[in-house]
Amino acid sequence: MKMSEDVPKRRASADLGVVEPKPEAAPAIRPESAAAYIADMATELAGLARASRLDILAYLLDIAQLEAANVSRRLARQTLAR
């Protein structure tokens, strides 16, 4: 028996009953708003990680928060400049 035959094949998402969202069904959200929301969530998650003594994870979430906040501000300035 080959090694590949020992490993069960992954089922397609359709087999699992997963419904892929349609692009037209997704609500329109401005990128700067999405980035601001991500920054807020990263702050919350970093606090949770810190409280659980997951220091490296907290650090990475802090970095994600800073990047998301910077992106949000940059996009907001670009929108105002138009």
PDB file of N, CA and C in Angstrom:
ATOM      1  N   MET A   1       0.845  -1.176   0.000  1.00  0.00           N
ATOM      2  CA  MET A   1       0.000   0.000   0.000  1.00  0.00           C
ATOM      3  C   MET A   1       0.886   1.232   0.000  1.00  0.00           C
ATOM      4  N   LYS A   2       0.560   2.205  -0.836  1.00  0.00           N
ATOM      5  CA  LYS A   2       1.317   3.444  -0.906  1.00  0.00           C
ATOM      6  C   LYS A   2       0.987   4.315   0.292  1.00  0.00           C
ATOM      7  N   MET A   3       1.935   5.180   0.635  1.00  0.00           N
ATOM      8  CA  MET A   3       1.742   6.090   1.766  1.00  0.00           C
ATOM      9  C   MET A   3       0.529   6.986   1.546  1.00  0.00           C
ATOM     10  N   SER A   4       0.327   7.453   0.320  1.00  0.00           N
ATOM     11  CA  SER A   4      -0.794   8.349   0.047  1.00  0.00           C
ATOM     12  C   SER A   4      -2.138   7.656   0.252  1.00  0.00           C
ATOM     13  N   GLU A   5      -2.169   6.344   0.122  1.00  0.00           N
ATOM     14  CA  GLU A   5      -3.419   5.626   0.325  1.00  0.00           C
ATOM     15  C   GLU A   5      -3.765   5.505   1.802  1.00  0.00           C
ATOM     16  N   ASP A   6      -2.752   5.644   2.669  1.00  0.00           N
ATOM     17  CA  ASP A   6      -2.998   5.570   4.099  1.00  0.00           C
ATOM     18  C   ASP A   6      -3.677   6.822   4.642  1.00  0.00           C
ATOM     19  N   VAL A   7      -3.471   7.919   3.956  1.00  0.00           N
ATOM     20  CA  VAL A   7      -4.000   9.202   4.421  1.00  0.00           C
ATOM     21  C   VAL A   7      -5.382   9.398   3.824  1.00  0.00           C
ATOM     22  N   PRO A   8      -6.397   9.623   4.676  1.00  0.00           N
ATOM     23  CA  PRO A   8      -7.736   9.841   4.118  1.00  0.00           C
ATOM     24  C   PRO A   8      -7.771  11.137   3.313  1.00  0.00           C
ATOM     25  N   LYS A   9      -8.496  11.095   2.231  1.00  0.00           N
ATOM     26  CA  LYS A   9      -8.608  12.278   1.388  1.00  0.00           C
ATOM     27  C   LYS A   9      -9.518  13.300   2.063  1.00  0.00           C
ATOM     28  N   ARG A  10      -9.172  14.572   1.854  1.00  0.00           N
ATOM     29  CA  ARG A  10     -10.007  15.639   2.401  1.00  0.00           C
ATOM     30  C   ARG A  10     -11.286  15.740   1.599  1.00  0.00           C
ATOM     31  N   ARG A  11     -12.361  15.987   2.301  1.00  0.00           N
ATOM     32  CA  ARG A  11     -13.642  16.140   1.625  1.00  0.00           C
ATOM     33  C   ARG A  11     -13.769  17.555   1.109  1.00  0.00           C
ATOM     34  N   ALA A  12     -14.396  17.700  -0.018  1.00  0.00           N
ATOM     35  CA  ALA A  12     -14.641  19.025  -0.571  1.00  0.00           C
ATOM     36  C   ALA A  12     -15.612  19.768   0.333  1.00  0.00           C
ATOM     37  N   SER A  13     -15.517  21.102   0.336  1.00  0.00           N
ATOM     38  CA  SER A  13     -16.376  21.892   1.204  1.00  0.00           C
ATOM     39  C   SER A  13     -17.853  21.651   0.897  1.00  0.00           C
ATOM     40  N   ALA A  14     -18.185  21.328  -0.348  1.00  0.00           N
ATOM     41  CA  ALA A  14     -19.581  21.037  -0.695  1.00  0.00           C
ATOM     42  C   ALA A  14     -20.054  19.778   0.020  1.00  0.00           C
ATOM     43  N   ASP A  15     -19.136  18.811   0.191  1.00  0.00           N
ATOM     44  CA  ASP A  15     -19.485  17.580   0.896  1.00  0.00           C
ATOM     45  C   ASP A  15     -19.791  17.842   2.366  1.00  0.00           C
ATOM     46  N   LEU A  16     -19.183  18.894   2.913  1.00  0.00           N
ATOM     47  CA  LEU A  16     -19.360  19.207   4.327  1.00  0.00           C
ATOM     48  C   LEU A  16     -20.573  20.109   4.572  1.00  0.00           C
ATOM     49  N   GLY A  17     -21.231  20.506   3.523  1.00  0.00           N
ATOM     50  CA  GLY A  17     -22.387  21.370   3.677  1.00  0.00           C
ATOM     51  C   GLY A  17     -22.020  22.828   3.887  1.00  0.00           C
ATOM     52  N   VAL A  18     -20.776  23.192   3.571  1.00  0.00           N
ATOM     53  CA  VAL A  18     -20.337  24.568   3.733  1.00  0.00           C
ATOM     54  C   VAL A  18     -20.889  25.391   2.577  1.00  0.00           C
ATOM     55  N   VAL A  19     -21.480  26.509   2.901  1.00  0.00           N
ATOM     56  CA  VAL A  19     -22.021  27.396   1.883  1.00  0.00           C
ATOM     57  C   VAL A  19     -21.066  28.563   1.740  1.00  0.00           C
ATOM     58  N   GLU A  20     -20.533  28.723   0.550  1.00  0.00           N
ATOM     59  CA  GLU A  20     -19.619  29.826   0.284  1.00  0.00           C
ATOM     60  C   GLU A  20     -20.440  31.107   0.111  1.00  0.00           C
ATOM     61  N   PRO A  21     -20.025  32.199   0.779  1.00  0.00           N
ATOM     62  CA  PRO A  21     -20.770  33.449   0.619  1.00  0.00           C
ATOM     63  C   PRO A  21     -20.599  34.003  -0.790  1.00  0.00           C
ATOM     64  N   LYS A  22     -21.651  34.572  -1.293  1.00  0.00           N
ATOM     65  CA  LYS A  22     -21.601  35.186  -2.607  1.00  0.00           C
ATOM     66  C   LYS A  22     -21.113  36.618  -2.443  1.00  0.00           C
ATOM     67  N   PRO A  23     -20.239  37.069  -3.331  1.00  0.00           N
ATOM     68  CA  PRO A  23     -19.707  38.429  -3.203  1.00  0.00           C
ATOM     69  C   PRO A  23     -20.795  39.497  -3.156  1.00  0.00           C
ATOM     70  N   GLU A  24     -21.860  39.327  -3.934  1.00  0.00           N
ATOM     71  CA  GLU A  24     -22.916  40.333  -3.954  1.00  0.00           C
ATOM     72  C   GLU A  24     -23.749  40.323  -2.665  1.00  0.00           C
ATOM     73  N   ALA A  25     -23.666  39.242  -1.891  1.00  0.00           N
ATOM     74  CA  ALA A  25     -24.427  39.156  -0.655  1.00  0.00           C
ATOM     75  C   ALA A  25     -23.692  39.805   0.521  1.00  0.00           C
ATOM     76  N   ALA A  26     -22.390  40.035   0.347  1.00  0.00           N
ATOM     77  CA  ALA A  26     -21.605  40.631   1.430  1.00  0.00           C
ATOM     78  C   ALA A  26     -21.926  42.111   1.562  1.00  0.00           C
ATOM     79  N   PRO A  27     -22.075  42.596   2.803  1.00  0.00           N
ATOM     80  CA  PRO A  27     -22.368  44.024   2.977  1.00  0.00           C
ATOM     81  C   PRO A  27     -21.161  44.860   2.566  1.00  0.00           C
ATOM     82  N   ALA A  28     -21.436  45.995   1.978  1.00  0.00           N
ATOM     83  CA  ALA A  28     -20.358  46.896   1.570  1.00  0.00           C
ATOM     84  C   ALA A  28     -19.812  47.594   2.803  1.00  0.00           C
ATOM     85  N   ILE A  29     -18.515  47.522   2.980  1.00  0.00           N
ATOM     86  CA  ILE A  29     -17.872  48.207   4.088  1.00  0.00           C
ATOM     87  C   ILE A  29     -16.626  48.895   3.540  1.00  0.00           C
ATOM     88  N   ARG A  30     -16.437  50.114   3.957  1.00  0.00           N
ATOM     89  CA  ARG A  30     -15.273  50.861   3.497  1.00  0.00           C
ATOM     90  C   ARG A  30     -14.013  50.254   4.103  1.00  0.00           C
ATOM     91  N   PRO A  31     -12.938  50.175   3.351  1.00  0.00           N
ATOM     92  CA  PRO A  31     -11.698  49.584   3.869  1.00  0.00           C
ATOM     93  C   PRO A  31     -11.194  50.255   5.138  1.00  0.00           C
ATOM     94  N   GLU A  32     -11.324  51.578   5.237  1.00  0.00           N
ATOM     95  CA  GLU A  32     -10.858  52.267   6.452  1.00  0.00           C
ATOM     96  C   GLU A  32     -11.703  51.882   7.668  1.00  0.00           C
ATOM     97  N   SER A  33     -12.985  51.613   7.450  1.00  0.00           N
ATOM     98  CA  SER A  33     -13.841  51.157   8.546  1.00  0.00           C
ATOM     99  C   SER A  33     -13.482  49.737   8.958  1.00  0.00           C
ATOM    100  N   ALA A  34     -13.195  48.896   7.978  1.00  0.00           N
ATOM    101  CA  ALA A  34     -12.785  47.518   8.283  1.00  0.00           C
ATOM    102  C   ALA A  34     -11.480  47.523   9.071  1.00  0.00           C
ATOM    103  N   ALA A  35     -10.522  48.349   8.648  1.00  0.00           N
ATOM    104  CA  ALA A  35      -9.235  48.423   9.345  1.00  0.00           C
ATOM    105  C   ALA A  35      -9.413  48.941  10.774  1.00  0.00           C
ATOM    106  N   ALA A  36     -10.293  49.923  10.968  1.00  0.00           N
ATOM    107  CA  ALA A  36     -10.543  50.444  12.318  1.00  0.00           C
ATOM    108  C   ALA A  36     -11.172  49.370  13.200  1.00  0.00           C
ATOM    109  N   TYR A  37     -12.091  48.619  12.644  1.00  0.00           N
ATOM    110  CA  TYR A  37     -12.727  47.524  13.395  1.00  0.00           C
ATOM    111  C   TYR A  37     -11.698  46.459  13.768  1.00  0.00           C
ATOM    112  N   ILE A  38     -10.849  46.111  12.818  1.00  0.00           N
ATOM    113  CA  ILE A  38      -9.798  45.122  13.084  1.00  0.00           C
ATOM    114  C   ILE A  38      -8.871  45.622  14.183  1.00  0.00           C
ATOM    115  N   ALA A  39      -8.538  46.909  14.167  1.00  0.00           N
ATOM    116  CA  ALA A  39      -7.697  47.486  15.225  1.00  0.00           C
ATOM    117  C   ALA A  39      -8.367  47.342  16.583  1.00  0.00           C
ATOM    118  N   ASP A  40      -9.661  47.621  16.640  1.00  0.00           N
ATOM    119  CA  ASP A  40     -10.401  47.481  17.907  1.00  0.00           C
ATOM    120  C   ASP A  40     -10.415  46.032  18.389  1.00  0.00           C
ATOM    121  N   MET A  41     -10.671  45.116  17.488  1.00  0.00           N
ATOM    122  CA  MET A  41     -10.715  43.702  17.869  1.00  0.00           C
ATOM    123  C   MET A  41      -9.338  43.199  18.293  1.00  0.00           C
ATOM    124  N   ALA A  42      -8.290  43.653  17.610  1.00  0.00           N
ATOM    125  CA  ALA A  42      -6.932  43.243  17.973  1.00  0.00           C
ATOM    126  C   ALA A  42      -6.585  43.740  19.377  1.00  0.00           C
ATOM    127  N   THR A  43      -7.059  44.931  19.726  1.00  0.00           N
ATOM    128  CA  THR A  43      -6.832  45.458  21.078  1.00  0.00           C
ATOM    129  C   THR A  43      -7.498  44.562  22.112  1.00  0.00           C
ATOM    130  N   GLU A  44      -8.738  44.189  21.853  1.00  0.00           N
ATOM    131  CA  GLU A  44      -9.468  43.302  22.769  1.00  0.00           C
ATOM    132  C   GLU A  44      -8.772  41.953  22.899  1.00  0.00           C
ATOM    133  N   LEU A  45      -8.382  41.382  21.761  1.00  0.00           N
ATOM    134  CA  LEU A  45      -7.733  40.070  21.769  1.00  0.00           C
ATOM    135  C   LEU A  45      -6.368  40.119  22.446  1.00  0.00           C
ATOM    136  N   ALA A  46      -5.637  41.210  22.259  1.00  0.00           N
ATOM    137  CA  ALA A  46      -4.336  41.352  22.919  1.00  0.00           C
ATOM    138  C   ALA A  46      -4.514  41.387  24.431  1.00  0.00           C
ATOM    139  N   GLY A  47      -5.559  42.067  24.892  1.00  0.00           N
ATOM    140  CA  GLY A  47      -5.850  42.090  26.332  1.00  0.00           C
ATOM    141  C   GLY A  47      -6.169  40.701  26.857  1.00  0.00           C
ATOM    142  N   LEU A  48      -6.940  39.951  26.108  1.00  0.00           N
ATOM    143  CA  LEU A  48      -7.275  38.588  26.498  1.00  0.00           C
ATOM    144  C   LEU A  48      -6.017  37.719  26.543  1.00  0.00           C
ATOM    145  N   ALA A  49      -5.184  37.856  25.526  1.00  0.00           N
ATOM    146  CA  ALA A  49      -3.941  37.077  25.487  1.00  0.00           C
ATOM    147  C   ALA A  49      -3.031  37.444  26.656  1.00  0.00           C
ATOM    148  N   ARG A  50      -2.931  38.735  26.943  1.00  0.00           N
ATOM    149  CA  ARG A  50      -2.084  39.195  28.044  1.00  0.00           C
ATOM    150  C   ARG A  50      -2.595  38.662  29.380  1.00  0.00           C
ATOM    151  N   ALA A  51      -3.908  38.699  29.574  1.00  0.00           N
ATOM    152  CA  ALA A  51      -4.511  38.197  30.817  1.00  0.00           C
ATOM    153  C   ALA A  51      -4.290  36.699  30.980  1.00  0.00           C
ATOM    154  N   SER A  52      -4.132  36.007  29.867  1.00  0.00           N
ATOM    155  CA  SER A  52      -3.904  34.559  29.888  1.00  0.00           C
ATOM    156  C   SER A  52      -2.418  34.209  29.849  1.00  0.00           C
ATOM    157  N   ARG A  53      -1.597  35.229  29.978  1.00  0.00           N
ATOM    158  CA  ARG A  53      -0.131  35.078  29.960  1.00  0.00           C
ATOM    159  C   ARG A  53       0.378  34.481  28.654  1.00  0.00           C
ATOM    160  N   LEU A  54      -0.273  34.836  27.585  1.00  0.00           N
ATOM    161  CA  LEU A  54       0.164  34.448  26.240  1.00  0.00           C
ATOM    162  C   LEU A  54       0.911  35.645  25.653  1.00  0.00           C
ATOM    163  N   ASP A  55       2.098  35.882  26.193  1.00  0.00           N
ATOM    164  CA  ASP A  55       2.822  37.115  25.926  1.00  0.00           C
ATOM    165  C   ASP A  55       3.200  37.319  24.464  1.00  0.00           C
ATOM    166  N   ILE A  56       3.683  36.291  23.806  1.00  0.00           N
ATOM    167  CA  ILE A  56       4.071  36.457  22.402  1.00  0.00           C
ATOM    168  C   ILE A  56       2.844  36.716  21.547  1.00  0.00           C
ATOM    169  N   LEU A  57       1.764  36.022  21.819  1.00  0.00           N
ATOM    170  CA  LEU A  57       0.522  36.256  21.084  1.00  0.00           C
ATOM    171  C   LEU A  57       0.018  37.678  21.329  1.00  0.00           C
ATOM    172  N   ALA A  58       0.086  38.139  22.562  1.00  0.00           N
ATOM    173  CA  ALA A  58      -0.320  39.518  22.875  1.00  0.00           C
ATOM    174  C   ALA A  58       0.524  40.511  22.093  1.00  0.00           C
ATOM    175  N   TYR A  59       1.833  40.254  22.046  1.00  0.00           N
ATOM    176  CA  TYR A  59       2.737  41.130  21.298  1.00  0.00           C
ATOM    177  C   TYR A  59       2.351  41.175  19.820  1.00  0.00           C
ATOM    178  N   LEU A  60       2.117  40.021  19.226  1.00  0.00           N
ATOM    179  CA  LEU A  60       1.744  39.973  17.810  1.00  0.00           C
ATOM    180  C   LEU A  60       0.420  40.680  17.555  1.00  0.00           C
ATOM    181  N   LEU A  61      -0.520  40.534  18.463  1.00  0.00           N
ATOM    182  CA  LEU A  61      -1.801  41.228  18.323  1.00  0.00           C
ATOM    183  C   LEU A  61      -1.624  42.733  18.486  1.00  0.00           C
ATOM    184  N   ASP A  62      -0.697  43.160  19.348  1.00  0.00           N
ATOM    185  CA  ASP A  62      -0.388  44.595  19.471  1.00  0.00           C
ATOM    186  C   ASP A  62       0.158  45.136  18.153  1.00  0.00           C
ATOM    187  N   ILE A  63       1.036  44.364  17.513  1.00  0.00           N
ATOM    188  CA  ILE A  63       1.586  44.774  16.220  1.00  0.00           C
ATOM    189  C   ILE A  63       0.468  44.858  15.180  1.00  0.00           C
ATOM    190  N   ALA A  64      -0.427  43.875  15.176  1.00  0.00           N
ATOM    191  CA  ALA A  64      -1.560  43.892  14.244  1.00  0.00           C
ATOM    192  C   ALA A  64      -2.450  45.104  14.497  1.00  0.00           C
ATOM    193  N   GLN A  65      -2.649  45.437  15.768  1.00  0.00           N
ATOM    194  CA  GLN A  65      -3.471  46.606  16.108  1.00  0.00           C
ATOM    195  C   GLN A  65      -2.837  47.884  15.572  1.00  0.00           C
ATOM    196  N   LEU A  66      -1.535  48.042  15.772  1.00  0.00           N
ATOM    197  CA  LEU A  66      -0.841  49.231  15.281  1.00  0.00           C
ATOM    198  C   LEU A  66      -0.934  49.340  13.760  1.00  0.00           C
ATOM    199  N   GLU A  67      -0.726  48.233  13.073  1.00  0.00           N
ATOM    200  CA  GLU A  67      -0.792  48.245  11.615  1.00  0.00           C
ATOM    201  C   GLU A  67      -2.205  48.573  11.136  1.00  0.00           C
ATOM    202  N   ALA A  68      -3.202  47.964  11.736  1.00  0.00           N
ATOM    203  CA  ALA A  68      -4.589  48.225  11.328  1.00  0.00           C
ATOM    204  C   ALA A  68      -4.969  49.680  11.585  1.00  0.00           C
ATOM    205  N   ALA A  69      -4.542  50.234  12.706  1.00  0.00           N
ATOM    206  CA  ALA A  69      -4.840  51.645  13.009  1.00  0.00           C
ATOM    207  C   ALA A  69      -4.148  52.567  12.004  1.00  0.00           C
ATOM    208  N   ASN A  70      -2.897  52.260  11.662  1.00  0.00           N
ATOM    209  CA  ASN A  70      -2.176  53.064  10.666  1.00  0.00           C
ATOM    210  C   ASN A  70      -2.854  52.995   9.306  1.00  0.00           C
ATOM    211  N   VAL A  71      -3.260  51.812   8.905  1.00  0.00           N
ATOM    212  CA  VAL A  71      -3.948  51.642   7.619  1.00  0.00           C
ATOM    213  C   VAL A  71      -5.264  52.418   7.624  1.00  0.00           C
ATOM    214  N   SER A  72      -6.001  52.332   8.705  1.00  0.00           N
ATOM    215  CA  SER A  72      -7.277  53.042   8.808  1.00  0.00           C
ATOM    216  C   SER A  72      -7.079  54.548   8.662  1.00  0.00           C
ATOM    217  N   ARG A  73      -6.094  55.087   9.361  1.00  0.00           N
ATOM    218  CA  ARG A  73      -5.820  56.535   9.271  1.00  0.00           C
ATOM    219  C   ARG A  73      -5.377  56.930   7.862  1.00  0.00           C
ATOM    220  N   ARG A  74      -4.489  56.139   7.266  1.00  0.00           N
ATOM    221  CA  ARG A  74      -3.996  56.449   5.923  1.00  0.00           C
ATOM    222  C   ARG A  74      -5.135  56.426   4.904  1.00  0.00           C
ATOM    223  N   LEU A  75      -5.975  55.417   4.979  1.00  0.00           N
ATOM    224  CA  LEU A  75      -7.095  55.323   4.044  1.00  0.00           C
ATOM    225  C   LEU A  75      -8.096  56.448   4.257  1.00  0.00           C
ATOM    226  N   ALA A  76      -8.321  56.835   5.510  1.00  0.00           N
ATOM    227  CA  ALA A  76      -9.244  57.924   5.799  1.00  0.00           C
ATOM    228  C   ALA A  76      -8.701  59.239   5.210  1.00  0.00           C
ATOM    229  N   ARG A  77      -7.390  59.468   5.337  1.00  0.00           N
ATOM    230  CA  ARG A  77      -6.786  60.689   4.750  1.00  0.00           C
ATOM    231  C   ARG A  77      -6.916  60.677   3.235  1.00  0.00           C
ATOM    232  N   GLN A  78      -6.689  59.522   2.616  1.00  0.00           N
ATOM    233  CA  GLN A  78      -6.803  59.423   1.164  1.00  0.00           C
ATOM    234  C   GLN A  78      -8.230  59.687   0.717  1.00  0.00           C
ATOM    235  N   THR A  79      -9.190  59.214   1.474  1.00  0.00           N
ATOM    236  CA  THR A  79     -10.591  59.436   1.136  1.00  0.00           C
ATOM    237  C   THR A  79     -10.942  60.919   1.228  1.00  0.00           C
ATOM    238  N   LEU A  80     -10.448  61.596   2.270  1.00  0.00           N
ATOM    239  CA  LEU A  80     -10.718  63.015   2.436  1.00  0.00           C
ATOM    240  C   LEU A  80     -10.039  63.858   1.358  1.00  0.00           C
ATOM    241  N   ALA A  81      -8.904  63.401   0.866  1.00  0.00           N
ATOM    242  CA  ALA A  81      -8.158  64.155  -0.140  1.00  0.00           C
ATOM    243  C   ALA A  81      -8.825  64.101  -1.516  1.00  0.00           C
ATOM    244  N   ARG A  82      -9.723  63.200  -1.718  1.00  0.00           N
ATOM    245  CA  ARG A  82     -10.375  63.044  -3.023  1.00  0.00           C
ATOM    246  C   ARG A  82     -11.430  64.077  -3.249  1.00  0.00           C
TER     247      ARG A  82
END
